[in-house]
Amino acid sequence: MLFFNFARIFKLKGINRPFSYLTSIGYSGGYATKLANNRVHEINLDRLEKFCRDFNCTPNDILDFRLYVNDTIAEDHPLRSLTKQLISNEITEKINAMPVDKIQQIHDIIKNME
């Protein structure tokens, strides 16, 4: 099954309140609710492009593929490239447990990647 996984983007970007964030950057309340609750089943290309621009991502970052329970598909099928790993809070928890000097080191590494 192919589906949109906006929740994954919010989690990766560290957005804990997607509705508030989306409305603050100009999304309507109704559409922000749909995105925040991952209830978008179709999207026009203009909206998809806006989201991708706003979140610095591609449509492939949003699309996710999961097999139905009794479904089969070849291991080398191109749709499998859209299968994403689940995102945990592990990284955030590890960073929060670090001393400030280690967090500063991470900050410096990330800043130098630009």
PDB file of N, CA and C in Angstrom:
ATOM      1  N   MET A   1       0.841  -1.168   0.000  1.00  0.00           N
ATOM      2  CA  MET A   1       0.000   0.000   0.000  1.00  0.00           C
ATOM      3  C   MET A   1       0.893   1.241   0.000  1.00  0.00           C
ATOM      4  N   LEU A   2       0.580   2.160  -0.841  1.00  0.00           N
ATOM      5  CA  LEU A   2       1.309   3.422  -0.942  1.00  0.00           C
ATOM      6  C   LEU A   2       0.525   4.478  -0.172  1.00  0.00           C
ATOM      7  N   PHE A   3       1.199   5.262   0.685  1.00  0.00           N
ATOM      8  CA  PHE A   3       0.505   6.286   1.452  1.00  0.00           C
ATOM      9  C   PHE A   3       1.436   7.461   1.744  1.00  0.00           C
ATOM     10  N   PHE A   4       0.827   8.581   2.114  1.00  0.00           N
ATOM     11  CA  PHE A   4       1.592   9.758   2.516  1.00  0.00           C
ATOM     12  C   PHE A   4       1.929   9.633   3.993  1.00  0.00           C
ATOM     13  N   ASN A   5       3.176   9.934   4.340  1.00  0.00           N
ATOM     14  CA  ASN A   5       3.609   9.835   5.727  1.00  0.00           C
ATOM     15  C   ASN A   5       4.169  11.190   6.170  1.00  0.00           C
ATOM     16  N   PHE A   6       3.265  12.140   6.381  1.00  0.00           N
ATOM     17  CA  PHE A   6       3.673  13.463   6.833  1.00  0.00           C
ATOM     18  C   PHE A   6       4.200  13.416   8.264  1.00  0.00           C
ATOM     19  N   ALA A   7       3.652  12.518   9.076  1.00  0.00           N
ATOM     20  CA  ALA A   7       4.075  12.406  10.473  1.00  0.00           C
ATOM     21  C   ALA A   7       5.572  12.130  10.572  1.00  0.00           C
ATOM     22  N   ARG A   8       6.097  11.349   9.654  1.00  0.00           N
ATOM     23  CA  ARG A   8       7.528  11.036   9.639  1.00  0.00           C
ATOM     24  C   ARG A   8       8.357  12.302   9.445  1.00  0.00           C
ATOM     25  N   ILE A   9       7.919  13.174   8.532  1.00  0.00           N
ATOM     26  CA  ILE A   9       8.635  14.422   8.279  1.00  0.00           C
ATOM     27  C   ILE A   9       8.618  15.291   9.526  1.00  0.00           C
ATOM     28  N   PHE A  10       7.447  15.397  10.162  1.00  0.00           N
ATOM     29  CA  PHE A  10       7.363  16.218  11.377  1.00  0.00           C
ATOM     30  C   PHE A  10       8.298  15.682  12.455  1.00  0.00           C
ATOM     31  N   LYS A  11       8.337  14.381  12.595  1.00  0.00           N
ATOM     32  CA  LYS A  11       9.188  13.771  13.614  1.00  0.00           C
ATOM     33  C   LYS A  11      10.667  14.018  13.298  1.00  0.00           C
ATOM     34  N   LEU A  12      11.046  13.818  12.030  1.00  0.00           N
ATOM     35  CA  LEU A  12      12.434  14.047  11.638  1.00  0.00           C
ATOM     36  C   LEU A  12      12.863  15.494  11.832  1.00  0.00           C
ATOM     37  N   LYS A  13      11.942  16.409  11.609  1.00  0.00           N
ATOM     38  CA  LYS A  13      12.242  17.833  11.729  1.00  0.00           C
ATOM     39  C   LYS A  13      12.102  18.336  13.164  1.00  0.00           C
ATOM     40  N   GLY A  14      11.709  17.451  14.077  1.00  0.00           N
ATOM     41  CA  GLY A  14      11.588  17.838  15.487  1.00  0.00           C
ATOM     42  C   GLY A  14      10.392  18.732  15.768  1.00  0.00           C
ATOM     43  N   ILE A  15       9.344  18.605  14.961  1.00  0.00           N
ATOM     44  CA  ILE A  15       8.144  19.418  15.140  1.00  0.00           C
ATOM     45  C   ILE A  15       7.168  18.642  16.013  1.00  0.00           C
ATOM     46  N   ASN A  16       7.040  19.073  17.255  1.00  0.00           N
ATOM     47  CA  ASN A  16       6.191  18.373  18.218  1.00  0.00           C
ATOM     48  C   ASN A  16       4.725  18.756  18.108  1.00  0.00           C
ATOM     49  N   ARG A  17       4.460  19.941  17.580  1.00  0.00           N
ATOM     50  CA  ARG A  17       3.082  20.415  17.418  1.00  0.00           C
ATOM     51  C   ARG A  17       2.856  20.785  15.958  1.00  0.00           C
ATOM     52  N   PRO A  18       2.654  19.781  15.116  1.00  0.00           N
ATOM     53  CA  PRO A  18       2.541  20.048  13.682  1.00  0.00           C
ATOM     54  C   PRO A  18       1.428  21.028  13.325  1.00  0.00           C
ATOM     55  N   PHE A  19       0.257  20.908  13.959  1.00  0.00           N
ATOM     56  CA  PHE A  19      -0.840  21.815  13.638  1.00  0.00           C
ATOM     57  C   PHE A  19      -0.430  23.264  13.873  1.00  0.00           C
ATOM     58  N   SER A  20       0.120  23.538  15.032  1.00  0.00           N
ATOM     59  CA  SER A  20       0.541  24.910  15.358  1.00  0.00           C
ATOM     60  C   SER A  20       1.611  25.394  14.390  1.00  0.00           C
ATOM     61  N   TYR A  21       2.552  24.528  14.098  1.00  0.00           N
ATOM     62  CA  TYR A  21       3.626  24.908  13.183  1.00  0.00           C
ATOM     63  C   TYR A  21       3.065  25.207  11.797  1.00  0.00           C
ATOM     64  N   LEU A  22       2.218  24.328  11.291  1.00  0.00           N
ATOM     65  CA  LEU A  22       1.662  24.498   9.953  1.00  0.00           C
ATOM     66  C   LEU A  22       0.839  25.778   9.838  1.00  0.00           C
ATOM     67  N   THR A  23       0.009  26.048  10.833  1.00  0.00           N
ATOM     68  CA  THR A  23      -0.796  27.277  10.765  1.00  0.00           C
ATOM     69  C   THR A  23       0.088  28.511  10.887  1.00  0.00           C
ATOM     70  N   SER A  24       1.184  28.415  11.623  1.00  0.00           N
ATOM     71  CA  SER A  24       2.074  29.569  11.764  1.00  0.00           C
ATOM     72  C   SER A  24       2.802  29.904  10.467  1.00  0.00           C
ATOM     73  N   ILE A  25       2.922  28.912   9.558  1.00  0.00           N
ATOM     74  CA  ILE A  25       3.597  29.191   8.289  1.00  0.00           C
ATOM     75  C   ILE A  25       2.598  29.334   7.135  1.00  0.00           C
ATOM     76  N   GLY A  26       1.306  29.468   7.480  1.00  0.00           N
ATOM     77  CA  GLY A  26       0.320  29.839   6.468  1.00  0.00           C
ATOM     78  C   GLY A  26      -0.664  28.792   5.999  1.00  0.00           C
ATOM     79  N   TYR A  27      -0.619  27.586   6.542  1.00  0.00           N
ATOM     80  CA  TYR A  27      -1.589  26.573   6.148  1.00  0.00           C
ATOM     81  C   TYR A  27      -2.921  26.860   6.843  1.00  0.00           C
ATOM     82  N   SER A  28      -4.023  26.583   6.151  1.00  0.00           N
ATOM     83  CA  SER A  28      -5.335  26.777   6.763  1.00  0.00           C
ATOM     84  C   SER A  28      -5.520  25.778   7.898  1.00  0.00           C
ATOM     85  N   GLY A  29      -6.403  26.098   8.828  1.00  0.00           N
ATOM     86  CA  GLY A  29      -6.640  25.218   9.964  1.00  0.00           C
ATOM     87  C   GLY A  29      -7.107  23.833   9.557  1.00  0.00           C
ATOM     88  N   GLY A  30      -8.022  23.777   8.585  1.00  0.00           N
ATOM     89  CA  GLY A  30      -8.545  22.486   8.140  1.00  0.00           C
ATOM     90  C   GLY A  30      -7.487  21.619   7.491  1.00  0.00           C
ATOM     91  N   TYR A  31      -6.696  22.229   6.630  1.00  0.00           N
ATOM     92  CA  TYR A  31      -5.661  21.457   5.945  1.00  0.00           C
ATOM     93  C   TYR A  31      -4.527  21.087   6.905  1.00  0.00           C
ATOM     94  N   ALA A  32      -4.200  21.990   7.813  1.00  0.00           N
ATOM     95  CA  ALA A  32      -3.174  21.698   8.826  1.00  0.00           C
ATOM     96  C   ALA A  32      -3.600  20.513   9.682  1.00  0.00           C
ATOM     97  N   THR A  33      -4.891  20.429  10.001  1.00  0.00           N
ATOM     98  CA  THR A  33      -5.404  19.304  10.783  1.00  0.00           C
ATOM     99  C   THR A  33      -5.206  17.994  10.023  1.00  0.00           C
ATOM    100  N   LYS A  34      -5.535  18.005   8.727  1.00  0.00           N
ATOM    101  CA  LYS A  34      -5.355  16.801   7.919  1.00  0.00           C
ATOM    102  C   LYS A  34      -3.883  16.375   7.865  1.00  0.00           C
ATOM    103  N   LEU A  35      -3.002  17.332   7.633  1.00  0.00           N
ATOM    104  CA  LEU A  35      -1.575  17.006   7.567  1.00  0.00           C
ATOM    105  C   LEU A  35      -1.062  16.523   8.925  1.00  0.00           C
ATOM    106  N   ALA A  36      -1.413  17.251   9.979  1.00  0.00           N
ATOM    107  CA  ALA A  36      -0.921  16.926  11.322  1.00  0.00           C
ATOM    108  C   ALA A  36      -1.379  15.543  11.781  1.00  0.00           C
ATOM    109  N   ASN A  37      -2.560  15.146  11.348  1.00  0.00           N
ATOM    110  CA  ASN A  37      -3.103  13.846  11.751  1.00  0.00           C
ATOM    111  C   ASN A  37      -2.888  12.770  10.697  1.00  0.00           C
ATOM    112  N   ASN A  38      -2.070  13.090   9.683  1.00  0.00           N
ATOM    113  CA  ASN A  38      -1.720  12.129   8.635  1.00  0.00           C
ATOM    114  C   ASN A  38      -2.964  11.574   7.948  1.00  0.00           C
ATOM    115  N   ARG A  39      -3.944  12.451   7.674  1.00  0.00           N
ATOM    116  CA  ARG A  39      -5.192  12.026   7.040  1.00  0.00           C
ATOM    117  C   ARG A  39      -5.320  12.559   5.616  1.00  0.00           C
ATOM    118  N   VAL A  40      -4.225  12.664   4.913  1.00  0.00           N
ATOM    119  CA  VAL A  40      -4.255  13.093   3.518  1.00  0.00           C
ATOM    120  C   VAL A  40      -4.118  11.849   2.649  1.00  0.00           C
ATOM    121  N   HIS A  41      -5.127  11.629   1.793  1.00  0.00           N
ATOM    122  CA  HIS A  41      -5.109  10.451   0.925  1.00  0.00           C
ATOM    123  C   HIS A  41      -4.814  10.818  -0.522  1.00  0.00           C
ATOM    124  N   GLU A  42      -4.964  12.085  -0.831  1.00  0.00           N
ATOM    125  CA  GLU A  42      -4.600  12.584  -2.153  1.00  0.00           C
ATOM    126  C   GLU A  42      -4.203  14.047  -1.990  1.00  0.00           C
ATOM    127  N   ILE A  43      -3.380  14.516  -2.918  1.00  0.00           N
ATOM    128  CA  ILE A  43      -2.879  15.883  -2.808  1.00  0.00           C
ATOM    129  C   ILE A  43      -2.592  16.387  -4.227  1.00  0.00           C
ATOM    130  N   ASN A  44      -2.964  17.643  -4.481  1.00  0.00           N
ATOM    131  CA  ASN A  44      -2.654  18.167  -5.810  1.00  0.00           C
ATOM    132  C   ASN A  44      -1.177  18.577  -5.839  1.00  0.00           C
ATOM    133  N   LEU A  45      -0.649  18.693  -7.012  1.00  0.00           N
ATOM    134  CA  LEU A  45       0.788  18.935  -7.156  1.00  0.00           C
ATOM    135  C   LEU A  45       1.229  20.277  -6.586  1.00  0.00           C
ATOM    136  N   ASP A  46       0.375  21.302  -6.656  1.00  0.00           N
ATOM    137  CA  ASP A  46       0.737  22.599  -6.077  1.00  0.00           C
ATOM    138  C   ASP A  46       0.934  22.494  -4.568  1.00  0.00           C
ATOM    139  N   ARG A  47       0.013  21.789  -3.904  1.00  0.00           N
ATOM    140  CA  ARG A  47       0.130  21.624  -2.448  1.00  0.00           C
ATOM    141  C   ARG A  47       1.336  20.745  -2.087  1.00  0.00           C
ATOM    142  N   LEU A  48       1.555  19.721  -2.883  1.00  0.00           N
ATOM    143  CA  LEU A  48       2.704  18.850  -2.639  1.00  0.00           C
ATOM    144  C   LEU A  48       4.002  19.630  -2.780  1.00  0.00           C
ATOM    145  N   GLU A  49       4.093  20.446  -3.823  1.00  0.00           N
ATOM    146  CA  GLU A  49       5.301  21.252  -4.013  1.00  0.00           C
ATOM    147  C   GLU A  49       5.478  22.242  -2.873  1.00  0.00           C
ATOM    148  N   LYS A  50       4.391  22.882  -2.417  1.00  0.00           N
ATOM    149  CA  LYS A  50       4.489  23.832  -1.303  1.00  0.00           C
ATOM    150  C   LYS A  50       5.027  23.136  -0.051  1.00  0.00           C
ATOM    151  N   PHE A  51       4.461  21.959   0.244  1.00  0.00           N
ATOM    152  CA  PHE A  51       4.921  21.231   1.425  1.00  0.00           C
ATOM    153  C   PHE A  51       6.404  20.898   1.291  1.00  0.00           C
ATOM    154  N   CYS A  52       6.801  20.407   0.128  1.00  0.00           N
ATOM    155  CA  CYS A  52       8.204  20.037  -0.090  1.00  0.00           C
ATOM    156  C   CYS A  52       9.125  21.258   0.041  1.00  0.00           C
ATOM    157  N   ARG A  53       8.677  22.388  -0.462  1.00  0.00           N
ATOM    158  CA  ARG A  53       9.484  23.608  -0.314  1.00  0.00           C
ATOM    159  C   ARG A  53       9.571  24.021   1.152  1.00  0.00           C
ATOM    160  N   ASP A  54       8.444  23.986   1.844  1.00  0.00           N
ATOM    161  CA  ASP A  54       8.400  24.402   3.254  1.00  0.00           C
ATOM    162  C   ASP A  54       9.230  23.498   4.159  1.00  0.00           C
ATOM    163  N   PHE A  55       9.328  22.213   3.818  1.00  0.00           N
ATOM    164  CA  PHE A  55      10.012  21.255   4.684  1.00  0.00           C
ATOM    165  C   PHE A  55      11.316  20.731   4.089  1.00  0.00           C
ATOM    166  N   ASN A  56      11.752  21.351   2.992  1.00  0.00           N
ATOM    167  CA  ASN A  56      13.031  21.004   2.376  1.00  0.00           C
ATOM    168  C   ASN A  56      13.140  19.491   2.147  1.00  0.00           C
ATOM    169  N   CYS A  57      12.138  18.960   1.441  1.00  0.00           N
ATOM    170  CA  CYS A  57      12.103  17.518   1.186  1.00  0.00           C
ATOM    171  C   CYS A  57      11.612  17.274  -0.238  1.00  0.00           C
ATOM    172  N   THR A  58      11.503  16.013  -0.607  1.00  0.00           N
ATOM    173  CA  THR A  58      10.981  15.628  -1.919  1.00  0.00           C
ATOM    174  C   THR A  58       9.718  14.792  -1.713  1.00  0.00           C
ATOM    175  N   PRO A  59       8.931  14.609  -2.772  1.00  0.00           N
ATOM    176  CA  PRO A  59       7.769  13.722  -2.641  1.00  0.00           C
ATOM    177  C   PRO A  59       8.152  12.312  -2.183  1.00  0.00           C
ATOM    178  N   ASN A  60       9.324  11.833  -2.582  1.00  0.00           N
ATOM    179  CA  ASN A  60       9.762  10.499  -2.138  1.00  0.00           C
ATOM    180  C   ASN A  60       9.983  10.443  -0.632  1.00  0.00           C
ATOM    181  N   ASP A  61      10.293  11.574  -0.009  1.00  0.00           N
ATOM    182  CA  ASP A  61      10.448  11.602   1.448  1.00  0.00           C
ATOM    183  C   ASP A  61       9.104  11.455   2.148  1.00  0.00           C
ATOM    184  N   ILE A  62       8.037  11.858   1.470  1.00  0.00           N
ATOM    185  CA  ILE A  62       6.692  11.833   2.049  1.00  0.00           C
ATOM    186  C   ILE A  62       5.975  10.520   1.758  1.00  0.00           C
ATOM    187  N   LEU A  63       6.218   9.975   0.569  1.00  0.00           N
ATOM    188  CA  LEU A  63       5.555   8.727   0.196  1.00  0.00           C
ATOM    189  C   LEU A  63       6.184   7.545   0.927  1.00  0.00           C
ATOM    190  N   ASP A  64       5.341   6.636   1.358  1.00  0.00           N
ATOM    191  CA  ASP A  64       5.811   5.450   2.069  1.00  0.00           C
ATOM    192  C   ASP A  64       5.094   4.238   1.474  1.00  0.00           C
ATOM    193  N   PHE A  65       5.762   3.120   1.468  1.00  0.00           N
ATOM    194  CA  PHE A  65       5.188   1.892   0.926  1.00  0.00           C
ATOM    195  C   PHE A  65       5.257   0.797   1.980  1.00  0.00           C
ATOM    196  N   ARG A  66       4.136   0.162   2.197  1.00  0.00           N
ATOM    197  CA  ARG A  66       4.057  -1.002   3.093  1.00  0.00           C
ATOM    198  C   ARG A  66       3.249  -2.084   2.390  1.00  0.00           C
ATOM    199  N   LEU A  67       3.665  -3.300   2.552  1.00  0.00           N
ATOM    200  CA  LEU A  67       2.918  -4.425   1.986  1.00  0.00           C
ATOM    201  C   LEU A  67       1.672  -4.691   2.822  1.00  0.00           C
ATOM    202  N   TYR A  68       0.584  -5.050   2.141  1.00  0.00           N
ATOM    203  CA  TYR A  68      -0.577  -5.561   2.862  1.00  0.00           C
ATOM    204  C   TYR A  68      -0.177  -6.886   3.489  1.00  0.00           C
ATOM    205  N   VAL A  69      -0.904  -7.346   4.453  1.00  0.00           N
ATOM    206  CA  VAL A  69      -0.557  -8.557   5.194  1.00  0.00           C
ATOM    207  C   VAL A  69      -0.310  -9.747   4.279  1.00  0.00           C
ATOM    208  N   ASN A  70      -1.198 -10.036   3.355  1.00  0.00           N
ATOM    209  CA  ASN A  70      -1.055 -11.214   2.489  1.00  0.00           C
ATOM    210  C   ASN A  70      -0.558 -10.855   1.100  1.00  0.00           C
ATOM    211  N   ASP A  71      -0.011  -9.687   0.934  1.00  0.00           N
ATOM    212  CA  ASP A  71       0.458  -9.215  -0.363  1.00  0.00           C
ATOM    213  C   ASP A  71       1.916  -9.620  -0.569  1.00  0.00           C
ATOM    214  N   THR A  72       2.292  -9.790  -1.819  1.00  0.00           N
ATOM    215  CA  THR A  72       3.683 -10.068  -2.154  1.00  0.00           C
ATOM    216  C   THR A  72       4.104  -9.149  -3.289  1.00  0.00           C
ATOM    217  N   ILE A  73       5.365  -8.833  -3.288  1.00  0.00           N
ATOM    218  CA  ILE A  73       5.944  -8.022  -4.349  1.00  0.00           C
ATOM    219  C   ILE A  73       7.424  -8.402  -4.413  1.00  0.00           C
ATOM    220  N   ALA A  74       7.970  -8.387  -5.578  1.00  0.00           N
ATOM    221  CA  ALA A  74       9.371  -8.796  -5.739  1.00  0.00           C
ATOM    222  C   ALA A  74      10.287  -7.939  -4.862  1.00  0.00           C
ATOM    223  N   GLU A  75      11.313  -8.577  -4.331  1.00  0.00           N
ATOM    224  CA  GLU A  75      12.273  -7.874  -3.471  1.00  0.00           C
ATOM    225  C   GLU A  75      12.945  -6.703  -4.184  1.00  0.00           C
ATOM    226  N   ASP A  76      13.109  -6.814  -5.502  1.00  0.00           N
ATOM    227  CA  ASP A  76      13.787  -5.759  -6.248  1.00  0.00           C
ATOM    228  C   ASP A  76      12.814  -4.784  -6.928  1.00  0.00           C
ATOM    229  N   HIS A  77      11.544  -4.834  -6.562  1.00  0.00           N
ATOM    230  CA  HIS A  77      10.565  -3.931  -7.168  1.00  0.00           C
ATOM    231  C   HIS A  77      10.859  -2.490  -6.735  1.00  0.00           C
ATOM    232  N   PRO A  78      10.776  -1.530  -7.649  1.00  0.00           N
ATOM    233  CA  PRO A  78      11.090  -0.127  -7.322  1.00  0.00           C
ATOM    234  C   PRO A  78      10.241   0.465  -6.206  1.00  0.00           C
ATOM    235  N   LEU A  79       9.021  -0.016  -6.009  1.00  0.00           N
ATOM    236  CA  LEU A  79       8.204   0.517  -4.907  1.00  0.00           C
ATOM    237  C   LEU A  79       8.855   0.285  -3.542  1.00  0.00           C
ATOM    238  N   ARG A  80       9.617  -0.771  -3.434  1.00  0.00           N
ATOM    239  CA  ARG A  80      10.276  -1.065  -2.151  1.00  0.00           C
ATOM    240  C   ARG A  80      11.247   0.038  -1.733  1.00  0.00           C
ATOM    241  N   SER A  81      11.730   0.823  -2.693  1.00  0.00           N
ATOM    242  CA  SER A  81      12.637   1.928  -2.353  1.00  0.00           C
ATOM    243  C   SER A  81      11.921   3.018  -1.556  1.00  0.00           C
ATOM    244  N   LEU A  82      10.592   2.981  -1.561  1.00  0.00           N
ATOM    245  CA  LEU A  82       9.810   3.957  -0.799  1.00  0.00           C
ATOM    246  C   LEU A  82       9.491   3.489   0.619  1.00  0.00           C
ATOM    247  N   THR A  83       9.911   2.284   0.970  1.00  0.00           N
ATOM    248  CA  THR A  83       9.676   1.779   2.317  1.00  0.00           C
ATOM    249  C   THR A  83      10.640   2.480   3.281  1.00  0.00           C
ATOM    250  N   LYS A  84      10.068   3.129   4.275  1.00  0.00           N
ATOM    251  CA  LYS A  84      10.866   3.894   5.233  1.00  0.00           C
ATOM    252  C   LYS A  84      10.928   3.172   6.573  1.00  0.00           C
ATOM    253  N   GLN A  85      12.026   3.364   7.267  1.00  0.00           N
ATOM    254  CA  GLN A  85      12.137   2.822   8.616  1.00  0.00           C
ATOM    255  C   GLN A  85      11.340   3.698   9.577  1.00  0.00           C
ATOM    256  N   LEU A  86      10.821   3.070  10.611  1.00  0.00           N
ATOM    257  CA  LEU A  86      10.100   3.825  11.622  1.00  0.00           C
ATOM    258  C   LEU A  86      11.079   4.727  12.371  1.00  0.00           C
ATOM    259  N   ILE A  87      10.610   5.896  12.731  1.00  0.00           N
ATOM    260  CA  ILE A  87      11.432   6.875  13.427  1.00  0.00           C
ATOM    261  C   ILE A  87      11.111   6.805  14.920  1.00  0.00           C
ATOM    262  N   SER A  88      12.130   6.656  15.731  1.00  0.00           N
ATOM    263  CA  SER A  88      11.915   6.639  17.172  1.00  0.00           C
ATOM    264  C   SER A  88      12.444   7.948  17.758  1.00  0.00           C
ATOM    265  N   ASN A  89      12.227   8.102  19.025  1.00  0.00           N
ATOM    266  CA  ASN A  89      12.734   9.277  19.731  1.00  0.00           C
ATOM    267  C   ASN A  89      14.138   9.039  20.271  1.00  0.00           C
ATOM    268  N   GLU A  90      14.766   7.971  19.830  1.00  0.00           N
ATOM    269  CA  GLU A  90      16.058   7.557  20.370  1.00  0.00           C
ATOM    270  C   GLU A  90      17.106   8.667  20.274  1.00  0.00           C
ATOM    271  N   ILE A  91      17.201   9.318  19.121  1.00  0.00           N
ATOM    272  CA  ILE A  91      18.224  10.350  18.940  1.00  0.00           C
ATOM    273  C   ILE A  91      17.964  11.519  19.874  1.00  0.00           C
ATOM    274  N   THR A  92      16.710  11.962  19.931  1.00  0.00           N
ATOM    275  CA  THR A  92      16.359  13.080  20.812  1.00  0.00           C
ATOM    276  C   THR A  92      16.668  12.734  22.263  1.00  0.00           C
ATOM    277  N   GLU A  93      16.326  11.526  22.666  1.00  0.00           N
ATOM    278  CA  GLU A  93      16.583  11.099  24.043  1.00  0.00           C
ATOM    279  C   GLU A  93      18.079  11.073  24.333  1.00  0.00           C
ATOM    280  N   LYS A  94      18.874  10.590  23.375  1.00  0.00           N
ATOM    281  CA  LYS A  94      20.322  10.550  23.575  1.00  0.00           C
ATOM    282  C   LYS A  94      20.905  11.954  23.673  1.00  0.00           C
ATOM    283  N   ILE A  95      20.456  12.839  22.806  1.00  0.00           N
ATOM    284  CA  ILE A  95      20.953  14.223  22.846  1.00  0.00           C
ATOM    285  C   ILE A  95      20.565  14.881  24.161  1.00  0.00           C
ATOM    286  N   ASN A  96      19.328  14.681  24.600  1.00  0.00           N
ATOM    287  CA  ASN A  96      18.885  15.290  25.864  1.00  0.00           C
ATOM    288  C   ASN A  96      19.671  14.770  27.057  1.00  0.00           C
ATOM    289  N   ALA A  97      20.198  13.555  26.964  1.00  0.00           N
ATOM    290  CA  ALA A  97      20.962  12.977  28.068  1.00  0.00           C
ATOM    291  C   ALA A  97      22.433  13.401  28.043  1.00  0.00           C
ATOM    292  N   MET A  98      22.879  14.026  26.951  1.00  0.00           N
ATOM    293  CA  MET A  98      24.291  14.414  26.808  1.00  0.00           C
ATOM    294  C   MET A  98      24.613  15.673  27.602  1.00  0.00           C
ATOM    295  N   PRO A  99      25.880  15.789  28.010  1.00  0.00           N
ATOM    296  CA  PRO A  99      26.300  17.050  28.617  1.00  0.00           C
ATOM    297  C   PRO A  99      26.348  18.143  27.539  1.00  0.00           C
ATOM    298  N   VAL A 100      26.234  19.363  27.972  1.00  0.00           N
ATOM    299  CA  VAL A 100      26.155  20.500  27.056  1.00  0.00           C
ATOM    300  C   VAL A 100      27.354  20.571  26.112  1.00  0.00           C
ATOM    301  N   ASP A 101      28.555  20.265  26.587  1.00  0.00           N
ATOM    302  CA  ASP A 101      29.723  20.358  25.712  1.00  0.00           C
ATOM    303  C   ASP A 101      29.644  19.372  24.543  1.00  0.00           C
ATOM    304  N   LYS A 102      29.046  18.195  24.769  1.00  0.00           N
ATOM    305  CA  LYS A 102      28.876  17.228  23.686  1.00  0.00           C
ATOM    306  C   LYS A 102      27.826  17.723  22.681  1.00  0.00           C
ATOM    307  N   ILE A 103      26.758  18.326  23.183  1.00  0.00           N
ATOM    308  CA  ILE A 103      25.738  18.888  22.293  1.00  0.00           C
ATOM    309  C   ILE A 103      26.349  20.002  21.453  1.00  0.00           C
ATOM    310  N   GLN A 104      27.227  20.794  22.049  1.00  0.00           N
ATOM    311  CA  GLN A 104      27.896  21.850  21.305  1.00  0.00           C
ATOM    312  C   GLN A 104      28.753  21.255  20.189  1.00  0.00           C
ATOM    313  N   GLN A 105      29.414  20.142  20.452  1.00  0.00           N
ATOM    314  CA  GLN A 105      30.206  19.474  19.427  1.00  0.00           C
ATOM    315  C   GLN A 105      29.328  19.020  18.259  1.00  0.00           C
ATOM    316  N   ILE A 106      28.172  18.473  18.569  1.00  0.00           N
ATOM    317  CA  ILE A 106      27.236  18.058  17.531  1.00  0.00           C
ATOM    318  C   ILE A 106      26.788  19.278  16.729  1.00  0.00           C
ATOM    319  N   HIS A 107      26.485  20.335  17.425  1.00  0.00           N
ATOM    320  CA  HIS A 107      26.082  21.581  16.766  1.00  0.00           C
ATOM    321  C   HIS A 107      27.159  22.047  15.792  1.00  0.00           C
ATOM    322  N   ASP A 108      28.404  22.027  16.235  1.00  0.00           N
ATOM    323  CA  ASP A 108      29.517  22.472  15.393  1.00  0.00           C
ATOM    324  C   ASP A 108      29.686  21.576  14.165  1.00  0.00           C
ATOM    325  N   ILE A 109      29.544  20.273  14.360  1.00  0.00           N
ATOM    326  CA  ILE A 109      29.649  19.347  13.227  1.00  0.00           C
ATOM    327  C   ILE A 109      28.552  19.628  12.200  1.00  0.00           C
ATOM    328  N   ILE A 110      27.343  19.782  12.678  1.00  0.00           N
ATOM    329  CA  ILE A 110      26.215  20.036  11.777  1.00  0.00           C
ATOM    330  C   ILE A 110      26.389  21.379  11.063  1.00  0.00           C
ATOM    331  N   LYS A 111      26.835  22.373  11.783  1.00  0.00           N
ATOM    332  CA  LYS A 111      27.035  23.702  11.180  1.00  0.00           C
ATOM    333  C   LYS A 111      28.086  23.648  10.074  1.00  0.00           C
ATOM    334  N   ASN A 112      29.118  22.851  10.264  1.00  0.00           N
ATOM    335  CA  ASN A 112      30.175  22.727   9.260  1.00  0.00           C
ATOM    336  C   ASN A 112      29.761  21.895   8.048  1.00  0.00           C
ATOM    337  N   MET A 113      28.628  21.209   8.123  1.00  0.00           N
ATOM    338  CA  MET A 113      28.142  20.399   7.011  1.00  0.00           C
ATOM    339  C   MET A 113      27.501  21.271   5.921  1.00  0.00           C
ATOM    340  N   GLU A 114      27.117  22.462   6.265  1.00  0.00           N
ATOM    341  CA  GLU A 114      26.403  23.337   5.310  1.00  0.00           C
ATOM    342  C   GLU A 114      27.221  23.699   4.122  1.00  0.00           C
TER     343      GLU A 114
END
